[in-house]
Amino acid sequence: MAIEINIKTEEGIKVVELSGDIDANTAPDVQKQVVPLAEPGSKILMDMTNVPYMSSAGLRMLLSLYRQTEAQKGKVVLAGLSEELQDTMSVTGFLDFFITAEKVDEGMEKLKE
């Protein structure tokens, strides 16, 4: 299954809406479009509401995004993680890196702080 990637800017925050599984087939596409958003001081909200599954390739892509954003003194918030994704990220220690929010508007608030 292909992944849909919609990127828009709201109030200076880059909102990345993802729909579909993030796996070995789709992670490179996501990485190609999302990692370049990590500019100096950028604020990126990853809307994961419609991502039912993420493989290790997806986790690597998120880590890459996190590192790029940190290096640029930016912020990344993950919003709408399913319970399954939260569990996977918790077990692997990935949740420690990210600010998370249950809903997109909550994530927007966290980026405005």
PDB file of N, CA and C in Angstrom:
ATOM      1  N   MET A   1       0.845  -1.193   0.000  1.00  0.00           N
ATOM      2  CA  MET A   1       0.000   0.000   0.000  1.00  0.00           C
ATOM      3  C   MET A   1       0.885   1.249   0.000  1.00  0.00           C
ATOM      4  N   ALA A   2       0.511   2.186  -0.817  1.00  0.00           N
ATOM      5  CA  ALA A   2       1.272   3.446  -0.875  1.00  0.00           C
ATOM      6  C   ALA A   2       0.914   4.301   0.329  1.00  0.00           C
ATOM      7  N   ILE A   3       1.767   5.254   0.592  1.00  0.00           N
ATOM      8  CA  ILE A   3       1.483   6.172   1.695  1.00  0.00           C
ATOM      9  C   ILE A   3       1.153   7.534   1.107  1.00  0.00           C
ATOM     10  N   GLU A   4       0.209   8.205   1.745  1.00  0.00           N
ATOM     11  CA  GLU A   4      -0.125   9.562   1.323  1.00  0.00           C
ATOM     12  C   GLU A   4       0.576  10.530   2.252  1.00  0.00           C
ATOM     13  N   ILE A   5       1.192  11.536   1.666  1.00  0.00           N
ATOM     14  CA  ILE A   5       1.916  12.542   2.443  1.00  0.00           C
ATOM     15  C   ILE A   5       1.384  13.916   2.056  1.00  0.00           C
ATOM     16  N   ASN A   6       0.780  14.600   3.010  1.00  0.00           N
ATOM     17  CA  ASN A   6       0.316  15.967   2.773  1.00  0.00           C
ATOM     18  C   ASN A   6       1.067  16.895   3.709  1.00  0.00           C
ATOM     19  N   ILE A   7       1.698  17.904   3.139  1.00  0.00           N
ATOM     20  CA  ILE A   7       2.460  18.847   3.946  1.00  0.00           C
ATOM     21  C   ILE A   7       1.862  20.231   3.770  1.00  0.00           C
ATOM     22  N   LYS A   8       1.520  20.859   4.890  1.00  0.00           N
ATOM     23  CA  LYS A   8       1.000  22.226   4.833  1.00  0.00           C
ATOM     24  C   LYS A   8       1.612  23.021   5.983  1.00  0.00           C
ATOM     25  N   THR A   9       1.543  24.327   5.882  1.00  0.00           N
ATOM     26  CA  THR A   9       2.082  25.177   6.937  1.00  0.00           C
ATOM     27  C   THR A   9       0.938  25.933   7.591  1.00  0.00           C
ATOM     28  N   GLU A  10       0.854  25.807   8.919  1.00  0.00           N
ATOM     29  CA  GLU A  10      -0.165  26.522   9.686  1.00  0.00           C
ATOM     30  C   GLU A  10       0.525  27.277  10.801  1.00  0.00           C
ATOM     31  N   GLU A  11       0.352  28.589  10.824  1.00  0.00           N
ATOM     32  CA  GLU A  11       0.935  29.433  11.874  1.00  0.00           C
ATOM     33  C   GLU A  11       2.430  29.163  12.056  1.00  0.00           C
ATOM     34  N   GLY A  12       3.129  29.015  10.947  1.00  0.00           N
ATOM     35  CA  GLY A  12       4.575  28.821  11.001  1.00  0.00           C
ATOM     36  C   GLY A  12       5.012  27.399  11.357  1.00  0.00           C
ATOM     37  N   ILE A  13       4.037  26.503  11.489  1.00  0.00           N
ATOM     38  CA  ILE A  13       4.345  25.112  11.835  1.00  0.00           C
ATOM     39  C   ILE A  13       4.094  24.243  10.605  1.00  0.00           C
ATOM     40  N   LYS A  14       5.083  23.427  10.266  1.00  0.00           N
ATOM     41  CA  LYS A  14       4.913  22.495   9.140  1.00  0.00           C
ATOM     42  C   LYS A  14       4.143  21.283   9.645  1.00  0.00           C
ATOM     43  N   VAL A  15       2.959  21.061   9.081  1.00  0.00           N
ATOM     44  CA  VAL A  15       2.120  19.939   9.488  1.00  0.00           C
ATOM     45  C   VAL A  15       2.218  18.869   8.409  1.00  0.00           C
ATOM     46  N   VAL A  16       2.688  17.687   8.809  1.00  0.00           N
ATOM     47  CA  VAL A  16       2.856  16.578   7.874  1.00  0.00           C
ATOM     48  C   VAL A  16       1.804  15.530   8.206  1.00  0.00           C
ATOM     49  N   GLU A  17       0.817  15.383   7.301  1.00  0.00           N
ATOM     50  CA  GLU A  17      -0.231  14.373   7.497  1.00  0.00           C
ATOM     51  C   GLU A  17       0.170  13.128   6.730  1.00  0.00           C
ATOM     52  N   LEU A  18       0.265  12.024   7.463  1.00  0.00           N
ATOM     53  CA  LEU A  18       0.613  10.750   6.833  1.00  0.00           C
ATOM     54  C   LEU A  18      -0.580   9.816   6.892  1.00  0.00           C
ATOM     55  N   SER A  19      -0.838   9.110   5.794  1.00  0.00           N
ATOM     56  CA  SER A  19      -1.908   8.106   5.764  1.00  0.00           C
ATOM     57  C   SER A  19      -1.369   6.841   5.133  1.00  0.00           C
ATOM     58  N   GLY A  20      -1.373   5.766   5.908  1.00  0.00           N
ATOM     59  CA  GLY A  20      -0.901   4.477   5.409  1.00  0.00           C
ATOM     60  C   GLY A  20       0.217   3.929   6.278  1.00  0.00           C
ATOM     61  N   ASP A  21       0.651   2.735   5.937  1.00  0.00           N
ATOM     62  CA  ASP A  21       1.731   2.092   6.680  1.00  0.00           C
ATOM     63  C   ASP A  21       3.070   2.719   6.322  1.00  0.00           C
ATOM     64  N   ILE A  22       3.932   2.842   7.322  1.00  0.00           N
ATOM     65  CA  ILE A  22       5.302   3.286   7.062  1.00  0.00           C
ATOM     66  C   ILE A  22       6.189   2.060   7.238  1.00  0.00           C
ATOM     67  N   ASP A  23       6.650   1.535   6.094  1.00  0.00           N
ATOM     68  CA  ASP A  23       7.471   0.325   6.122  1.00  0.00           C
ATOM     69  C   ASP A  23       8.656   0.499   5.176  1.00  0.00           C
ATOM     70  N   ALA A  24       9.352  -0.582   4.906  1.00  0.00           N
ATOM     71  CA  ALA A  24      10.552  -0.513   4.062  1.00  0.00           C
ATOM     72  C   ALA A  24      10.250   0.081   2.682  1.00  0.00           C
ATOM     73  N   ASN A  25       9.030  -0.116   2.193  1.00  0.00           N
ATOM     74  CA  ASN A  25       8.666   0.407   0.873  1.00  0.00           C
ATOM     75  C   ASN A  25       8.344   1.892   0.892  1.00  0.00           C
ATOM     76  N   THR A  26       7.723   2.362   1.970  1.00  0.00           N
ATOM     77  CA  THR A  26       7.243   3.743   1.988  1.00  0.00           C
ATOM     78  C   THR A  26       8.136   4.696   2.773  1.00  0.00           C
ATOM     79  N   ALA A  27       8.935   4.179   3.719  1.00  0.00           N
ATOM     80  CA  ALA A  27       9.772   5.054   4.553  1.00  0.00           C
ATOM     81  C   ALA A  27      10.716   5.944   3.732  1.00  0.00           C
ATOM     82  N   PRO A  28      11.345   5.421   2.663  1.00  0.00           N
ATOM     83  CA  PRO A  28      12.232   6.301   1.877  1.00  0.00           C
ATOM     84  C   PRO A  28      11.499   7.510   1.285  1.00  0.00           C
ATOM     85  N   ASP A  29      10.248   7.310   0.830  1.00  0.00           N
ATOM     86  CA  ASP A  29       9.454   8.419   0.283  1.00  0.00           C
ATOM     87  C   ASP A  29       9.188   9.461   1.362  1.00  0.00           C
ATOM     88  N   VAL A  30       8.779   8.967   2.535  1.00  0.00           N
ATOM     89  CA  VAL A  30       8.482   9.878   3.637  1.00  0.00           C
ATOM     90  C   VAL A  30       9.747  10.651   3.996  1.00  0.00           C
ATOM     91  N   GLN A  31      10.856   9.935   4.112  1.00  0.00           N
ATOM     92  CA  GLN A  31      12.116  10.577   4.490  1.00  0.00           C
ATOM     93  C   GLN A  31      12.510  11.657   3.490  1.00  0.00           C
ATOM     94  N   LYS A  32      12.369  11.333   2.196  1.00  0.00           N
ATOM     95  CA  LYS A  32      12.754  12.265   1.136  1.00  0.00           C
ATOM     96  C   LYS A  32      11.952  13.570   1.226  1.00  0.00           C
ATOM     97  N   GLN A  33      10.670  13.454   1.602  1.00  0.00           N
ATOM     98  CA  GLN A  33       9.821  14.649   1.645  1.00  0.00           C
ATOM     99  C   GLN A  33       9.852  15.372   2.982  1.00  0.00           C
ATOM    100  N   VAL A  34      10.080  14.622   4.071  1.00  0.00           N
ATOM    101  CA  VAL A  34       9.932  15.208   5.401  1.00  0.00           C
ATOM    102  C   VAL A  34      11.245  15.733   5.984  1.00  0.00           C
ATOM    103  N   VAL A  35      12.338  14.986   5.835  1.00  0.00           N
ATOM    104  CA  VAL A  35      13.600  15.407   6.448  1.00  0.00           C
ATOM    105  C   VAL A  35      14.062  16.794   5.969  1.00  0.00           C
ATOM    106  N   PRO A  36      13.881  17.139   4.680  1.00  0.00           N
ATOM    107  CA  PRO A  36      14.280  18.491   4.254  1.00  0.00           C
ATOM    108  C   PRO A  36      13.510  19.626   4.957  1.00  0.00           C
ATOM    109  N   LEU A  37      12.393  19.314   5.618  1.00  0.00           N
ATOM    110  CA  LEU A  37      11.639  20.343   6.347  1.00  0.00           C
ATOM    111  C   LEU A  37      12.402  20.811   7.584  1.00  0.00           C
ATOM    112  N   ALA A  38      13.394  20.034   8.002  1.00  0.00           N
ATOM    113  CA  ALA A  38      14.180  20.377   9.194  1.00  0.00           C
ATOM    114  C   ALA A  38      15.154  21.500   8.859  1.00  0.00           C
ATOM    115  N   GLU A  39      14.655  22.719   8.957  1.00  0.00           N
ATOM    116  CA  GLU A  39      15.454  23.909   8.703  1.00  0.00           C
ATOM    117  C   GLU A  39      15.747  24.561  10.048  1.00  0.00           C
ATOM    118  N   PRO A  40      16.658  25.524  10.100  1.00  0.00           N
ATOM    119  CA  PRO A  40      16.952  26.174  11.380  1.00  0.00           C
ATOM    120  C   PRO A  40      15.689  26.693  12.077  1.00  0.00           C
ATOM    121  N   GLY A  41      15.485  26.241  13.304  1.00  0.00           N
ATOM    122  CA  GLY A  41      14.344  26.692  14.098  1.00  0.00           C
ATOM    123  C   GLY A  41      12.996  26.173  13.645  1.00  0.00           C
ATOM    124  N   SER A  42      12.980  25.163  12.767  1.00  0.00           N
ATOM    125  CA  SER A  42      11.702  24.697  12.233  1.00  0.00           C
ATOM    126  C   SER A  42      10.869  23.993  13.301  1.00  0.00           C
ATOM    127  N   LYS A  43       9.571  24.052  13.106  1.00  0.00           N
ATOM    128  CA  LYS A  43       8.623  23.365  13.977  1.00  0.00           C
ATOM    129  C   LYS A  43       7.828  22.423  13.090  1.00  0.00           C
ATOM    130  N   ILE A  44       7.930  21.130  13.395  1.00  0.00           N
ATOM    131  CA  ILE A  44       7.299  20.120  12.544  1.00  0.00           C
ATOM    132  C   ILE A  44       6.344  19.284  13.378  1.00  0.00           C
ATOM    133  N   LEU A  45       5.111  19.189  12.898  1.00  0.00           N
ATOM    134  CA  LEU A  45       4.109  18.342  13.537  1.00  0.00           C
ATOM    135  C   LEU A  45       3.847  17.156  12.621  1.00  0.00           C
ATOM    136  N   MET A  46       4.142  15.969  13.099  1.00  0.00           N
ATOM    137  CA  MET A  46       3.875  14.753  12.332  1.00  0.00           C
ATOM    138  C   MET A  46       2.518  14.224  12.766  1.00  0.00           C
ATOM    139  N   ASP A  47       1.524  14.328  11.884  1.00  0.00           N
ATOM    140  CA  ASP A  47       0.187  13.819  12.189  1.00  0.00           C
ATOM    141  C   ASP A  47       0.149  12.338  11.812  1.00  0.00           C
ATOM    142  N   MET A  48       0.207  11.480  12.825  1.00  0.00           N
ATOM    143  CA  MET A  48       0.289  10.033  12.624  1.00  0.00           C
ATOM    144  C   MET A  48      -1.064   9.347  12.833  1.00  0.00           C
ATOM    145  N   THR A  49      -2.133  10.136  12.878  1.00  0.00           N
ATOM    146  CA  THR A  49      -3.459   9.613  13.169  1.00  0.00           C
ATOM    147  C   THR A  49      -3.844   8.458  12.241  1.00  0.00           C
ATOM    148  N   ASN A  50      -3.455   8.556  10.962  1.00  0.00           N
ATOM    149  CA  ASN A  50      -3.854   7.541   9.982  1.00  0.00           C
ATOM    150  C   ASN A  50      -2.716   6.599   9.605  1.00  0.00           C
ATOM    151  N   VAL A  51      -1.803   6.375  10.553  1.00  0.00           N
ATOM    152  CA  VAL A  51      -0.700   5.444  10.329  1.00  0.00           C
ATOM    153  C   VAL A  51      -0.926   4.236  11.248  1.00  0.00           C
ATOM    154  N   PRO A  52      -1.481   3.148  10.687  1.00  0.00           N
ATOM    155  CA  PRO A  52      -1.772   1.992  11.532  1.00  0.00           C
ATOM    156  C   PRO A  52      -0.535   1.162  11.885  1.00  0.00           C
ATOM    157  N   TYR A  53       0.489   1.234  11.034  1.00  0.00           N
ATOM    158  CA  TYR A  53       1.648   0.359  11.229  1.00  0.00           C
ATOM    159  C   TYR A  53       2.930   1.082  10.848  1.00  0.00           C
ATOM    160  N   MET A  54       3.982   0.829  11.627  1.00  0.00           N
ATOM    161  CA  MET A  54       5.292   1.388  11.289  1.00  0.00           C
ATOM    162  C   MET A  54       6.339   0.318  11.572  1.00  0.00           C
ATOM    163  N   SER A  55       7.156   0.028  10.571  1.00  0.00           N
ATOM    164  CA  SER A  55       8.228  -0.960  10.736  1.00  0.00           C
ATOM    165  C   SER A  55       9.475  -0.266  11.265  1.00  0.00           C
ATOM    166  N   SER A  56      10.541  -1.033  11.418  1.00  0.00           N
ATOM    167  CA  SER A  56      11.806  -0.454  11.871  1.00  0.00           C
ATOM    168  C   SER A  56      12.302   0.598  10.883  1.00  0.00           C
ATOM    169  N   ALA A  57      11.976   0.444   9.616  1.00  0.00           N
ATOM    170  CA  ALA A  57      12.360   1.452   8.616  1.00  0.00           C
ATOM    171  C   ALA A  57      11.676   2.786   8.927  1.00  0.00           C
ATOM    172  N   GLY A  58      10.439   2.710   9.367  1.00  0.00           N
ATOM    173  CA  GLY A  58       9.708   3.923   9.761  1.00  0.00           C
ATOM    174  C   GLY A  58      10.328   4.575  10.981  1.00  0.00           C
ATOM    175  N   LEU A  59      10.732   3.741  11.942  1.00  0.00           N
ATOM    176  CA  LEU A  59      11.382   4.267  13.146  1.00  0.00           C
ATOM    177  C   LEU A  59      12.702   4.950  12.794  1.00  0.00           C
ATOM    178  N   ARG A  60      13.457   4.331  11.894  1.00  0.00           N
ATOM    179  CA  ARG A  60      14.730   4.937  11.468  1.00  0.00           C
ATOM    180  C   ARG A  60      14.491   6.289  10.802  1.00  0.00           C
ATOM    181  N   MET A  61      13.439   6.356   9.982  1.00  0.00           N
ATOM    182  CA  MET A  61      13.099   7.610   9.317  1.00  0.00           C
ATOM    183  C   MET A  61      12.776   8.685  10.353  1.00  0.00           C
ATOM    184  N   LEU A  62      12.011   8.325  11.389  1.00  0.00           N
ATOM    185  CA  LEU A  62      11.676   9.291  12.439  1.00  0.00           C
ATOM    186  C   LEU A  62      12.924   9.733  13.197  1.00  0.00           C
ATOM    187  N   LEU A  63      13.817   8.797  13.461  1.00  0.00           N
ATOM    188  CA  LEU A  63      15.046   9.130  14.175  1.00  0.00           C
ATOM    189  C   LEU A  63      15.902  10.083  13.347  1.00  0.00           C
ATOM    190  N   SER A  64      15.955   9.827  12.057  1.00  0.00           N
ATOM    191  CA  SER A  64      16.697  10.686  11.142  1.00  0.00           C
ATOM    192  C   SER A  64      16.107  12.104  11.161  1.00  0.00           C
ATOM    193  N   LEU A  65      14.781  12.184  11.104  1.00  0.00           N
ATOM    194  CA  LEU A  65      14.099  13.479  11.168  1.00  0.00           C
ATOM    195  C   LEU A  65      14.413  14.163  12.493  1.00  0.00           C
ATOM    196  N   TYR A  66      14.352  13.413  13.578  1.00  0.00           N
ATOM    197  CA  TYR A  66      14.622  13.970  14.905  1.00  0.00           C
ATOM    198  C   TYR A  66      16.038  14.556  14.965  1.00  0.00           C
ATOM    199  N   ARG A  67      17.012  13.783  14.491  1.00  0.00           N
ATOM    200  CA  ARG A  67      18.408  14.236  14.541  1.00  0.00           C
ATOM    201  C   ARG A  67      18.623  15.499  13.711  1.00  0.00           C
ATOM    202  N   GLN A  68      18.051  15.511  12.506  1.00  0.00           N
ATOM    203  CA  GLN A  68      18.177  16.693  11.638  1.00  0.00           C
ATOM    204  C   GLN A  68      17.558  17.918  12.298  1.00  0.00           C
ATOM    205  N   THR A  69      16.382  17.723  12.874  1.00  0.00           N
ATOM    206  CA  THR A  69      15.664  18.844  13.488  1.00  0.00           C
ATOM    207  C   THR A  69      16.417  19.356  14.705  1.00  0.00           C
ATOM    208  N   GLU A  70      16.905  18.441  15.547  1.00  0.00           N
ATOM    209  CA  GLU A  70      17.686  18.830  16.728  1.00  0.00           C
ATOM    210  C   GLU A  70      18.930  19.608  16.318  1.00  0.00           C
ATOM    211  N   ALA A  71      19.597  19.126  15.274  1.00  0.00           N
ATOM    212  CA  ALA A  71      20.824  19.779  14.802  1.00  0.00           C
ATOM    213  C   ALA A  71      20.529  21.214  14.354  1.00  0.00           C
ATOM    214  N   GLN A  72      19.297  21.441  13.886  1.00  0.00           N
ATOM    215  CA  GLN A  72      18.897  22.774  13.412  1.00  0.00           C
ATOM    216  C   GLN A  72      18.182  23.576  14.501  1.00  0.00           C
ATOM    217  N   LYS A  73      18.207  23.076  15.725  1.00  0.00           N
ATOM    218  CA  LYS A  73      17.537  23.730  16.864  1.00  0.00           C
ATOM    219  C   LYS A  73      16.031  23.864  16.630  1.00  0.00           C
ATOM    220  N   GLY A  74      15.457  22.858  15.977  1.00  0.00           N
ATOM    221  CA  GLY A  74      14.018  22.855  15.744  1.00  0.00           C
ATOM    222  C   GLY A  74      13.314  21.912  16.703  1.00  0.00           C
ATOM    223  N   LYS A  75      12.019  21.719  16.473  1.00  0.00           N
ATOM    224  CA  LYS A  75      11.203  20.850  17.320  1.00  0.00           C
ATOM    225  C   LYS A  75      10.327  19.964  16.453  1.00  0.00           C
ATOM    226  N   VAL A  76      10.176  18.704  16.898  1.00  0.00           N
ATOM    227  CA  VAL A  76       9.261  17.781  16.229  1.00  0.00           C
ATOM    228  C   VAL A  76       8.269  17.278  17.266  1.00  0.00           C
ATOM    229  N   VAL A  77       6.987  17.277  16.907  1.00  0.00           N
ATOM    230  CA  VAL A  77       5.961  16.680  17.755  1.00  0.00           C
ATOM    231  C   VAL A  77       5.255  15.606  16.936  1.00  0.00           C
ATOM    232  N   LEU A  78       5.051  14.444  17.553  1.00  0.00           N
ATOM    233  CA  LEU A  78       4.281  13.370  16.924  1.00  0.00           C
ATOM    234  C   LEU A  78       2.884  13.402  17.520  1.00  0.00           C
ATOM    235  N   ALA A  79       1.879  13.516  16.659  1.00  0.00           N
ATOM    236  CA  ALA A  79       0.496  13.572  17.143  1.00  0.00           C
ATOM    237  C   ALA A  79      -0.291  12.368  16.622  1.00  0.00           C
ATOM    238  N   GLY A  80      -1.222  11.904  17.444  1.00  0.00           N
ATOM    239  CA  GLY A  80      -2.147  10.863  17.012  1.00  0.00           C
ATOM    240  C   GLY A  80      -1.548   9.478  16.859  1.00  0.00           C
ATOM    241  N   LEU A  81      -0.535   9.162  17.663  1.00  0.00           N
ATOM    242  CA  LEU A  81       0.052   7.812  17.585  1.00  0.00           C
ATOM    243  C   LEU A  81      -0.949   6.791  18.102  1.00  0.00           C
ATOM    244  N   SER A  82      -1.129   5.720  17.346  1.00  0.00           N
ATOM    245  CA  SER A  82      -2.005   4.645  17.814  1.00  0.00           C
ATOM    246  C   SER A  82      -1.353   3.978  19.018  1.00  0.00           C
ATOM    247  N   GLU A  83      -2.150   3.241  19.765  1.00  0.00           N
ATOM    248  CA  GLU A  83      -1.627   2.547  20.936  1.00  0.00           C
ATOM    249  C   GLU A  83      -0.508   1.589  20.532  1.00  0.00           C
ATOM    250  N   GLU A  84      -0.704   0.935  19.399  1.00  0.00           N
ATOM    251  CA  GLU A  84       0.298  -0.015  18.908  1.00  0.00           C
ATOM    252  C   GLU A  84       1.632   0.687  18.607  1.00  0.00           C
ATOM    253  N   LEU A  85       1.553   1.835  17.935  1.00  0.00           N
ATOM    254  CA  LEU A  85       2.779   2.580  17.633  1.00  0.00           C
ATOM    255  C   LEU A  85       3.435   3.097  18.907  1.00  0.00           C
ATOM    256  N   GLN A  86       2.610   3.553  19.844  1.00  0.00           N
ATOM    257  CA  GLN A  86       3.169   4.029  21.116  1.00  0.00           C
ATOM    258  C   GLN A  86       3.904   2.896  21.822  1.00  0.00           C
ATOM    259  N   ASP A  87       3.298   1.706  21.828  1.00  0.00           N
ATOM    260  CA  ASP A  87       3.933   0.551  22.473  1.00  0.00           C
ATOM    261  C   ASP A  87       5.274   0.240  21.824  1.00  0.00           C
ATOM    262  N   THR A  88       5.271   0.174  20.488  1.00  0.00           N
ATOM    263  CA  THR A  88       6.509  -0.132  19.759  1.00  0.00           C
ATOM    264  C   THR A  88       7.575   0.901  20.073  1.00  0.00           C
ATOM    265  N   MET A  89       7.189   2.174  20.042  1.00  0.00           N
ATOM    266  CA  MET A  89       8.156   3.244  20.275  1.00  0.00           C
ATOM    267  C   MET A  89       8.625   3.272  21.726  1.00  0.00           C
ATOM    268  N   SER A  90       7.758   2.873  22.633  1.00  0.00           N
ATOM    269  CA  SER A  90       8.117   2.835  24.045  1.00  0.00           C
ATOM    270  C   SER A  90       9.136   1.722  24.298  1.00  0.00           C
ATOM    271  N   VAL A  91       8.861   0.542  23.774  1.00  0.00           N
ATOM    272  CA  VAL A  91       9.742  -0.612  23.952  1.00  0.00           C
ATOM    273  C   VAL A  91      11.123  -0.352  23.366  1.00  0.00           C
ATOM    274  N   THR A  92      11.168   0.332  22.224  1.00  0.00           N
ATOM    275  CA  THR A  92      12.446   0.581  21.551  1.00  0.00           C
ATOM    276  C   THR A  92      13.154   1.824  22.094  1.00  0.00           C
ATOM    277  N   GLY A  93      12.498   2.549  22.999  1.00  0.00           N
ATOM    278  CA  GLY A  93      13.110   3.744  23.573  1.00  0.00           C
ATOM    279  C   GLY A  93      12.924   4.994  22.723  1.00  0.00           C
ATOM    280  N   PHE A  94      12.198   4.863  21.622  1.00  0.00           N
ATOM    281  CA  PHE A  94      12.017   6.003  20.715  1.00  0.00           C
ATOM    282  C   PHE A  94      11.147   7.101  21.320  1.00  0.00           C
ATOM    283  N   LEU A  95      10.208   6.715  22.166  1.00  0.00           N
ATOM    284  CA  LEU A  95       9.316   7.721  22.748  1.00  0.00           C
ATOM    285  C   LEU A  95      10.090   8.734  23.573  1.00  0.00           C
ATOM    286  N   ASP A  96      11.254   8.328  24.100  1.00  0.00           N
ATOM    287  CA  ASP A  96      12.061   9.240  24.912  1.00  0.00           C
ATOM    288  C   ASP A  96      12.548  10.438  24.105  1.00  0.00           C
ATOM    289  N   PHE A  97      12.685  10.270  22.802  1.00  0.00           N
ATOM    290  CA  PHE A  97      13.207  11.344  21.960  1.00  0.00           C
ATOM    291  C   PHE A  97      12.149  12.378  21.600  1.00  0.00           C
ATOM    292  N   PHE A  98      10.912  11.937  21.512  1.00  0.00           N
ATOM    293  CA  PHE A  98       9.881  12.781  20.905  1.00  0.00           C
ATOM    294  C   PHE A  98       8.904  13.366  21.905  1.00  0.00           C
ATOM    295  N   ILE A  99       8.433  14.557  21.565  1.00  0.00           N
ATOM    296  CA  ILE A  99       7.285  15.142  22.244  1.00  0.00           C
ATOM    297  C   ILE A  99       6.078  14.534  21.536  1.00  0.00           C
ATOM    298  N   THR A 100       5.123  14.030  22.301  1.00  0.00           N
ATOM    299  CA  THR A 100       3.949  13.439  21.661  1.00  0.00           C
ATOM    300  C   THR A 100       2.685  14.151  22.134  1.00  0.00           C
ATOM    301  N   ALA A 101       1.650  14.035  21.315  1.00  0.00           N
ATOM    302  CA  ALA A 101       0.351  14.621  21.638  1.00  0.00           C
ATOM    303  C   ALA A 101      -0.721  13.669  21.133  1.00  0.00           C
ATOM    304  N   GLU A 102      -1.831  13.613  21.847  1.00  0.00           N
ATOM    305  CA  GLU A 102      -2.908  12.730  21.419  1.00  0.00           C
ATOM    306  C   GLU A 102      -3.579  13.243  20.151  1.00  0.00           C
ATOM    307  N   LYS A 103      -3.753  14.557  20.094  1.00  0.00           N
ATOM    308  CA  LYS A 103      -4.454  15.148  18.952  1.00  0.00           C
ATOM    309  C   LYS A 103      -3.587  16.232  18.306  1.00  0.00           C
ATOM    310  N   VAL A 104      -3.912  16.531  17.052  1.00  0.00           N
ATOM    311  CA  VAL A 104      -3.148  17.504  16.281  1.00  0.00           C
ATOM    312  C   VAL A 104      -3.155  18.880  16.946  1.00  0.00           C
ATOM    313  N   ASP A 105      -4.329  19.347  17.407  1.00  0.00           N
ATOM    314  CA  ASP A 105      -4.380  20.692  17.995  1.00  0.00           C
ATOM    315  C   ASP A 105      -3.540  20.770  19.272  1.00  0.00           C
ATOM    316  N   GLU A 106      -3.494  19.674  20.022  1.00  0.00           N
ATOM    317  CA  GLU A 106      -2.647  19.621  21.222  1.00  0.00           C
ATOM    318  C   GLU A 106      -1.162  19.706  20.812  1.00  0.00           C
ATOM    319  N   GLY A 107      -0.832  19.032  19.734  1.00  0.00           N
ATOM    320  CA  GLY A 107       0.537  19.078  19.215  1.00  0.00           C
ATOM    321  C   GLY A 107       0.916  20.487  18.766  1.00  0.00           C
ATOM    322  N   MET A 108      -0.037  21.168  18.137  1.00  0.00           N
ATOM    323  CA  MET A 108       0.204  22.548  17.686  1.00  0.00           C
ATOM    324  C   MET A 108       0.516  23.428  18.902  1.00  0.00           C
ATOM    325  N   GLU A 109      -0.260  23.257  19.977  1.00  0.00           N
ATOM    326  CA  GLU A 109      -0.041  24.041  21.197  1.00  0.00           C
ATOM    327  C   GLU A 109       1.359  23.789  21.753  1.00  0.00           C
ATOM    328  N   LYS A 110       1.791  22.525  21.745  1.00  0.00           N
ATOM    329  CA  LYS A 110       3.109  22.189  22.279  1.00  0.00           C
ATOM    330  C   LYS A 110       4.226  22.836  21.451  1.00  0.00           C
ATOM    331  N   LEU A 111       4.003  22.989  20.157  1.00  0.00           N
ATOM    332  CA  LEU A 111       5.010  23.615  19.297  1.00  0.00           C
ATOM    333  C   LEU A 111       5.027  25.132  19.459  1.00  0.00           C
ATOM    334  N   LYS A 112       3.928  25.705  19.920  1.00  0.00           N
ATOM    335  CA  LYS A 112       3.862  27.158  20.088  1.00  0.00           C
ATOM    336  C   LYS A 112       4.518  27.601  21.389  1.00  0.00           C
ATOM    337  N   GLU A 113       4.696  26.667  22.332  1.00  0.00           N
ATOM    338  CA  GLU A 113       5.268  27.002  23.654  1.00  0.00           C
ATOM    339  C   GLU A 113       6.658  27.552  23.513  1.00  0.00           C
TER     340      GLU A 113
END
